[in-house]
Amino acid sequence: VQLQASGGGLVQAGGSLSLSCAASKRTFSNNAVGWFRQAPGKEREFVASINWSGSNTNYADSVKGRFTISRDRVKNMVFLKMNNLGPEDTATYYCAAARGAVNTDNTGYYNYWGQGTLVTVSS
């Protein structure tokens, strides 16, 4: 599976962005998918994940109530809607597909990683 994240950009604090993750070469509709981010000088961190069917999601505490992960299994895409962005959300965002169907915040569980998309939030 090859993944490509898109939708990043520059936004003012309080604004919104929607990220997309598309899969190519084969479907990831039966795999859990996660979003992660890495800010300059920091380790990669979990943001959100969704199980294979879309019926279960989980979020990092730092984004709960502001970010929403969803998926369209027919279109073979996963989305991350980000609201009320702050400068602390500035990072490169990556989507990743897991080995299995159950979602988790465990980075090691994700086998397939896409190139990231940069999100910059100005204060």
N, C-alpha and C. Protein backbone atom coordinates (compact mmCIF):
# COMPACT_ATOMS: atom_id res chain seq x y z
N VAL A 1 0.84 -1.19 0.00
CA VAL A 1 0.00 0.00 0.00
C VAL A 1 0.87 1.24 0.00
N GLN A 2 0.57 2.14 -0.89
CA GLN A 2 1.25 3.43 -0.89
C GLN A 2 0.24 4.48 -0.46
N LEU A 3 0.65 5.32 0.46
CA LEU A 3 -0.24 6.33 1.00
C LEU A 3 0.28 7.72 0.67
N GLN A 4 -0.63 8.63 0.48
CA GLN A 4 -0.26 10.01 0.21
C GLN A 4 -1.17 10.92 1.00
N ALA A 5 -0.57 11.70 1.87
CA ALA A 5 -1.32 12.69 2.64
C ALA A 5 -1.29 14.01 1.91
N SER A 6 -2.39 14.74 2.00
CA SER A 6 -2.47 16.04 1.36
C SER A 6 -3.40 16.94 2.15
N GLY A 7 -3.38 18.22 1.79
CA GLY A 7 -4.29 19.16 2.42
C GLY A 7 -3.66 20.11 3.41
N GLY A 8 -2.36 19.94 3.66
CA GLY A 8 -1.70 20.84 4.59
C GLY A 8 -1.56 22.23 4.02
N GLY A 9 -1.14 23.14 4.86
CA GLY A 9 -0.96 24.52 4.42
C GLY A 9 -0.76 25.44 5.59
N LEU A 10 -0.85 26.71 5.32
CA LEU A 10 -0.69 27.75 6.34
C LEU A 10 -2.07 28.27 6.73
N VAL A 11 -2.30 28.31 8.02
CA VAL A 11 -3.59 28.78 8.52
C VAL A 11 -3.36 29.60 9.79
N GLN A 12 -4.22 30.54 10.02
CA GLN A 12 -4.11 31.33 11.24
C GLN A 12 -4.69 30.57 12.43
N ALA A 13 -4.22 30.91 13.59
CA ALA A 13 -4.74 30.29 14.81
C ALA A 13 -6.25 30.46 14.88
N GLY A 14 -6.91 29.40 15.25
CA GLY A 14 -8.37 29.40 15.31
C GLY A 14 -9.00 28.90 14.03
N GLY A 15 -8.20 28.73 13.01
CA GLY A 15 -8.72 28.29 11.73
C GLY A 15 -8.84 26.78 11.63
N SER A 16 -9.21 26.32 10.44
CA SER A 16 -9.44 24.90 10.19
C SER A 16 -8.73 24.44 8.93
N LEU A 17 -8.42 23.17 8.92
CA LEU A 17 -7.86 22.51 7.74
C LEU A 17 -8.40 21.10 7.68
N SER A 18 -8.48 20.57 6.48
CA SER A 18 -8.87 19.18 6.30
C SER A 18 -7.79 18.45 5.55
N LEU A 19 -7.30 17.40 6.15
CA LEU A 19 -6.28 16.57 5.52
C LEU A 19 -6.93 15.33 4.91
N SER A 20 -6.31 14.85 3.84
CA SER A 20 -6.78 13.63 3.19
C SER A 20 -5.63 12.65 3.07
N CYS A 21 -5.98 11.40 3.11
CA CYS A 21 -5.00 10.32 2.93
C CYS A 21 -5.56 9.37 1.90
N ALA A 22 -4.85 9.23 0.80
CA ALA A 22 -5.29 8.35 -0.26
C ALA A 22 -4.34 7.19 -0.39
N ALA A 23 -4.90 6.04 -0.71
CA ALA A 23 -4.09 4.84 -0.89
C ALA A 23 -4.05 4.47 -2.35
N SER A 24 -2.91 3.97 -2.76
CA SER A 24 -2.78 3.48 -4.12
C SER A 24 -2.14 2.10 -4.10
N LYS A 25 -2.13 1.46 -5.19
CA LYS A 25 -1.59 0.12 -5.39
C LYS A 25 -2.50 -0.95 -4.83
N ARG A 26 -3.06 -0.71 -3.65
CA ARG A 26 -4.11 -1.61 -3.19
C ARG A 26 -4.94 -0.90 -2.14
N THR A 27 -6.10 -1.47 -1.88
CA THR A 27 -7.00 -0.84 -0.93
C THR A 27 -6.50 -0.98 0.50
N PHE A 28 -6.86 -0.02 1.33
CA PHE A 28 -6.61 -0.18 2.76
C PHE A 28 -7.94 -0.17 3.52
N SER A 29 -9.00 -0.52 2.82
CA SER A 29 -10.33 -0.44 3.41
C SER A 29 -10.53 -1.43 4.55
N ASN A 30 -9.70 -2.45 4.65
CA ASN A 30 -9.82 -3.42 5.74
C ASN A 30 -8.77 -3.21 6.83
N ASN A 31 -8.04 -2.11 6.74
CA ASN A 31 -6.99 -1.81 7.70
C ASN A 31 -7.36 -0.59 8.54
N ALA A 32 -6.94 -0.63 9.77
CA ALA A 32 -7.02 0.59 10.57
C ALA A 32 -6.03 1.62 10.01
N VAL A 33 -6.36 2.86 10.19
CA VAL A 33 -5.51 3.95 9.69
C VAL A 33 -5.32 4.98 10.80
N GLY A 34 -4.13 5.48 10.87
CA GLY A 34 -3.85 6.50 11.88
C GLY A 34 -3.24 7.74 11.27
N TRP A 35 -3.42 8.83 11.99
CA TRP A 35 -2.72 10.09 11.68
C TRP A 35 -1.71 10.34 12.79
N PHE A 36 -0.54 10.74 12.39
CA PHE A 36 0.53 11.08 13.32
C PHE A 36 1.11 12.42 12.89
N ARG A 37 1.85 13.04 13.77
CA ARG A 37 2.48 14.29 13.39
C ARG A 37 3.85 14.42 14.05
N GLN A 38 4.68 15.20 13.41
CA GLN A 38 6.01 15.43 13.94
C GLN A 38 6.36 16.89 13.77
N ALA A 39 6.55 17.53 14.89
CA ALA A 39 6.97 18.93 14.89
C ALA A 39 8.49 19.00 14.84
N PRO A 40 9.04 20.09 14.35
CA PRO A 40 10.50 20.22 14.27
C PRO A 40 11.15 20.00 15.63
N GLY A 41 12.13 19.13 15.65
CA GLY A 41 12.87 18.87 16.88
C GLY A 41 12.16 17.98 17.88
N LYS A 42 11.01 17.45 17.48
CA LYS A 42 10.25 16.59 18.39
C LYS A 42 10.04 15.22 17.77
N GLU A 43 9.66 14.28 18.62
CA GLU A 43 9.38 12.94 18.13
C GLU A 43 7.99 12.89 17.48
N ARG A 44 7.84 11.89 16.63
CA ARG A 44 6.54 11.69 16.02
C ARG A 44 5.53 11.29 17.09
N GLU A 45 4.33 11.85 17.01
CA GLU A 45 3.33 11.54 18.01
C GLU A 45 2.01 11.16 17.36
N PHE A 46 1.26 10.37 18.08
CA PHE A 46 -0.05 9.92 17.64
C PHE A 46 -1.03 11.08 17.68
N VAL A 47 -1.91 11.13 16.67
CA VAL A 47 -2.95 12.15 16.64
C VAL A 47 -4.33 11.52 16.72
N ALA A 48 -4.61 10.60 15.81
CA ALA A 48 -5.95 9.99 15.76
C ALA A 48 -5.87 8.69 14.98
N SER A 49 -6.83 7.81 15.24
CA SER A 49 -6.89 6.57 14.47
C SER A 49 -8.33 6.14 14.28
N ILE A 50 -8.53 5.29 13.29
CA ILE A 50 -9.87 4.82 12.97
C ILE A 50 -9.76 3.35 12.57
N ASN A 51 -10.74 2.56 13.01
CA ASN A 51 -10.67 1.14 12.68
C ASN A 51 -11.13 0.90 11.25
N TRP A 52 -11.13 -0.34 10.85
CA TRP A 52 -11.38 -0.67 9.45
C TRP A 52 -12.75 -0.20 8.97
N SER A 53 -13.74 -0.29 9.82
CA SER A 53 -15.10 0.03 9.39
C SER A 53 -15.46 1.49 9.60
N GLY A 54 -14.66 2.17 10.43
CA GLY A 54 -15.00 3.54 10.77
C GLY A 54 -15.86 3.66 12.00
N SER A 55 -16.14 2.53 12.65
CA SER A 55 -17.04 2.53 13.80
C SER A 55 -16.34 2.90 15.10
N ASN A 56 -15.02 2.88 15.09
CA ASN A 56 -14.26 3.20 16.30
C ASN A 56 -13.13 4.16 15.98
N THR A 57 -13.04 5.19 16.76
CA THR A 57 -11.97 6.17 16.59
C THR A 57 -11.36 6.47 17.95
N ASN A 58 -10.13 6.91 17.94
CA ASN A 58 -9.55 7.43 19.18
C ASN A 58 -8.60 8.57 18.85
N TYR A 59 -8.39 9.40 19.84
CA TYR A 59 -7.66 10.65 19.65
C TYR A 59 -6.67 10.88 20.77
N ALA A 60 -5.61 11.59 20.42
CA ALA A 60 -4.72 12.09 21.46
C ALA A 60 -5.47 13.13 22.28
N ASP A 61 -5.16 13.21 23.54
CA ASP A 61 -5.85 14.17 24.41
C ASP A 61 -5.71 15.59 23.89
N SER A 62 -4.59 15.88 23.27
CA SER A 62 -4.32 17.25 22.83
C SER A 62 -5.21 17.70 21.68
N VAL A 63 -5.86 16.75 21.00
CA VAL A 63 -6.69 17.12 19.85
C VAL A 63 -8.16 16.76 20.04
N LYS A 64 -8.50 16.09 21.14
CA LYS A 64 -9.89 15.69 21.38
C LYS A 64 -10.80 16.90 21.37
N GLY A 65 -11.90 16.75 20.67
CA GLY A 65 -12.86 17.84 20.60
C GLY A 65 -12.57 18.84 19.50
N ARG A 66 -11.37 18.75 18.91
CA ARG A 66 -11.00 19.68 17.84
C ARG A 66 -10.81 18.98 16.51
N PHE A 67 -10.30 17.76 16.54
CA PHE A 67 -10.01 17.01 15.33
C PHE A 67 -11.02 15.86 15.19
N THR A 68 -11.34 15.54 13.94
CA THR A 68 -12.23 14.42 13.65
C THR A 68 -11.64 13.59 12.52
N ILE A 69 -11.48 12.30 12.78
CA ILE A 69 -11.00 11.39 11.76
C ILE A 69 -12.20 10.65 11.19
N SER A 70 -12.16 10.42 9.88
CA SER A 70 -13.24 9.69 9.22
C SER A 70 -12.65 8.98 8.01
N ARG A 71 -13.47 8.09 7.43
CA ARG A 71 -12.97 7.38 6.26
C ARG A 71 -14.10 7.12 5.30
N ASP A 72 -13.71 6.98 4.05
CA ASP A 72 -14.63 6.59 2.98
C ASP A 72 -14.03 5.33 2.36
N ARG A 73 -14.60 4.20 2.72
CA ARG A 73 -14.02 2.93 2.29
C ARG A 73 -14.20 2.72 0.79
N VAL A 74 -15.22 3.29 0.24
CA VAL A 74 -15.44 3.14 -1.21
C VAL A 74 -14.38 3.91 -1.98
N LYS A 75 -14.10 5.11 -1.53
CA LYS A 75 -13.09 5.95 -2.19
C LYS A 75 -11.68 5.61 -1.74
N ASN A 76 -11.57 4.72 -0.72
CA ASN A 76 -10.26 4.31 -0.24
C ASN A 76 -9.48 5.50 0.29
N MET A 77 -10.15 6.30 1.10
CA MET A 77 -9.53 7.50 1.66
C MET A 77 -9.87 7.66 3.13
N VAL A 78 -8.98 8.34 3.82
CA VAL A 78 -9.19 8.69 5.23
C VAL A 78 -8.95 10.19 5.35
N PHE A 79 -9.71 10.80 6.25
CA PHE A 79 -9.67 12.25 6.38
C PHE A 79 -9.39 12.65 7.83
N LEU A 80 -8.83 13.85 7.98
CA LEU A 80 -8.66 14.42 9.31
C LEU A 80 -9.12 15.87 9.24
N LYS A 81 -10.23 16.13 9.87
CA LYS A 81 -10.75 17.49 9.94
C LYS A 81 -10.22 18.14 11.20
N MET A 82 -9.53 19.26 11.05
CA MET A 82 -8.89 19.92 12.18
C MET A 82 -9.50 21.31 12.37
N ASN A 83 -10.08 21.52 13.52
CA ASN A 83 -10.69 22.80 13.86
C ASN A 83 -9.96 23.47 15.00
N ASN A 84 -10.16 24.76 15.12
CA ASN A 84 -9.58 25.53 16.22
C ASN A 84 -8.08 25.26 16.37
N LEU A 85 -7.40 25.38 15.27
CA LEU A 85 -5.96 25.08 15.26
C LEU A 85 -5.18 26.13 16.04
N GLY A 86 -4.13 25.67 16.67
CA GLY A 86 -3.23 26.55 17.40
C GLY A 86 -1.80 26.33 16.94
N PRO A 87 -0.91 27.25 17.29
CA PRO A 87 0.49 27.10 16.88
C PRO A 87 1.10 25.76 17.31
N GLU A 88 0.59 25.20 18.38
CA GLU A 88 1.12 23.92 18.86
C GLU A 88 0.76 22.77 17.94
N ASP A 89 -0.13 23.00 16.99
CA ASP A 89 -0.50 21.97 16.01
C ASP A 89 0.40 22.00 14.79
N THR A 90 1.31 22.95 14.73
CA THR A 90 2.24 23.02 13.61
C THR A 90 3.12 21.79 13.58
N ALA A 91 3.11 21.09 12.46
CA ALA A 91 3.86 19.85 12.33
C ALA A 91 3.66 19.30 10.92
N THR A 92 4.46 18.32 10.60
CA THR A 92 4.20 17.52 9.41
C THR A 92 3.31 16.37 9.83
N TYR A 93 2.21 16.21 9.12
CA TYR A 93 1.22 15.20 9.44
C TYR A 93 1.36 14.02 8.47
N TYR A 94 1.34 12.83 9.05
CA TYR A 94 1.48 11.61 8.29
C TYR A 94 0.27 10.71 8.51
N CYS A 95 -0.14 10.02 7.45
CA CYS A 95 -1.13 8.97 7.63
C CYS A 95 -0.40 7.64 7.49
N ALA A 96 -0.95 6.64 8.15
CA ALA A 96 -0.33 5.33 8.16
C ALA A 96 -1.41 4.26 8.24
N ALA A 97 -1.18 3.17 7.54
CA ALA A 97 -2.12 2.04 7.60
C ALA A 97 -1.54 0.94 8.47
N ALA A 98 -2.39 0.38 9.29
CA ALA A 98 -1.95 -0.65 10.22
C ALA A 98 -1.94 -2.02 9.56
N ARG A 99 -1.29 -2.95 10.28
CA ARG A 99 -1.29 -4.34 9.80
C ARG A 99 -2.68 -4.95 9.88
N GLY A 100 -3.43 -4.55 10.88
CA GLY A 100 -4.73 -5.16 11.10
C GLY A 100 -5.87 -4.17 11.04
N ALA A 101 -7.01 -4.64 11.48
CA ALA A 101 -8.25 -3.87 11.36
C ALA A 101 -8.56 -2.99 12.56
N VAL A 102 -7.91 -3.29 13.68
CA VAL A 102 -8.21 -2.58 14.92
C VAL A 102 -7.29 -1.38 15.06
N ASN A 103 -7.87 -0.25 15.44
CA ASN A 103 -7.06 0.95 15.55
C ASN A 103 -6.38 1.03 16.92
N THR A 104 -5.24 1.71 16.89
CA THR A 104 -4.42 1.84 18.09
C THR A 104 -3.58 3.09 17.97
N ASP A 105 -3.05 3.54 19.11
CA ASP A 105 -2.13 4.68 19.08
C ASP A 105 -0.67 4.22 19.03
N ASN A 106 -0.47 2.94 18.91
CA ASN A 106 0.88 2.36 18.89
C ASN A 106 1.51 2.52 17.51
N THR A 107 2.52 3.35 17.43
CA THR A 107 3.16 3.62 16.15
C THR A 107 3.67 2.35 15.49
N GLY A 108 4.19 1.43 16.29
CA GLY A 108 4.77 0.20 15.77
C GLY A 108 3.78 -0.72 15.09
N TYR A 109 2.52 -0.46 15.29
CA TYR A 109 1.46 -1.29 14.71
C TYR A 109 1.19 -0.93 13.26
N TYR A 110 1.73 0.20 12.85
CA TYR A 110 1.44 0.72 11.50
C TYR A 110 2.59 0.39 10.56
N ASN A 111 2.23 -0.33 9.49
CA ASN A 111 3.25 -0.82 8.56
C ASN A 111 3.52 0.13 7.41
N TYR A 112 2.51 0.82 6.97
CA TYR A 112 2.60 1.58 5.73
C TYR A 112 2.44 3.06 6.03
N TRP A 113 3.44 3.80 5.63
CA TRP A 113 3.46 5.23 5.93
C TRP A 113 3.53 6.04 4.64
N GLY A 114 2.79 7.11 4.62
CA GLY A 114 2.84 8.00 3.47
C GLY A 114 3.80 9.15 3.73
N GLN A 115 4.06 9.89 2.70
CA GLN A 115 4.81 11.14 2.86
C GLN A 115 3.90 12.14 3.56
N GLY A 116 4.46 12.93 4.38
CA GLY A 116 3.65 13.84 5.18
C GLY A 116 3.21 15.08 4.44
N THR A 117 2.34 15.79 5.10
CA THR A 117 1.89 17.08 4.59
C THR A 117 2.07 18.10 5.72
N LEU A 118 2.63 19.24 5.39
CA LEU A 118 3.00 20.23 6.40
C LEU A 118 1.82 21.13 6.75
N VAL A 119 1.59 21.23 8.04
CA VAL A 119 0.57 22.15 8.56
C VAL A 119 1.28 23.20 9.40
N THR A 120 1.09 24.45 9.05
CA THR A 120 1.69 25.55 9.79
C THR A 120 0.59 26.46 10.29
N VAL A 121 0.58 26.68 11.60
CA VAL A 121 -0.44 27.54 12.20
C VAL A 121 0.25 28.77 12.75
N SER A 122 -0.16 29.91 12.25
CA SER A 122 0.45 31.16 12.70
C SER A 122 -0.38 31.76 13.83
N SER A 123 0.31 32.41 14.73
CA SER A 123 -0.38 32.99 15.89
C SER A 123 -0.85 34.41 15.61
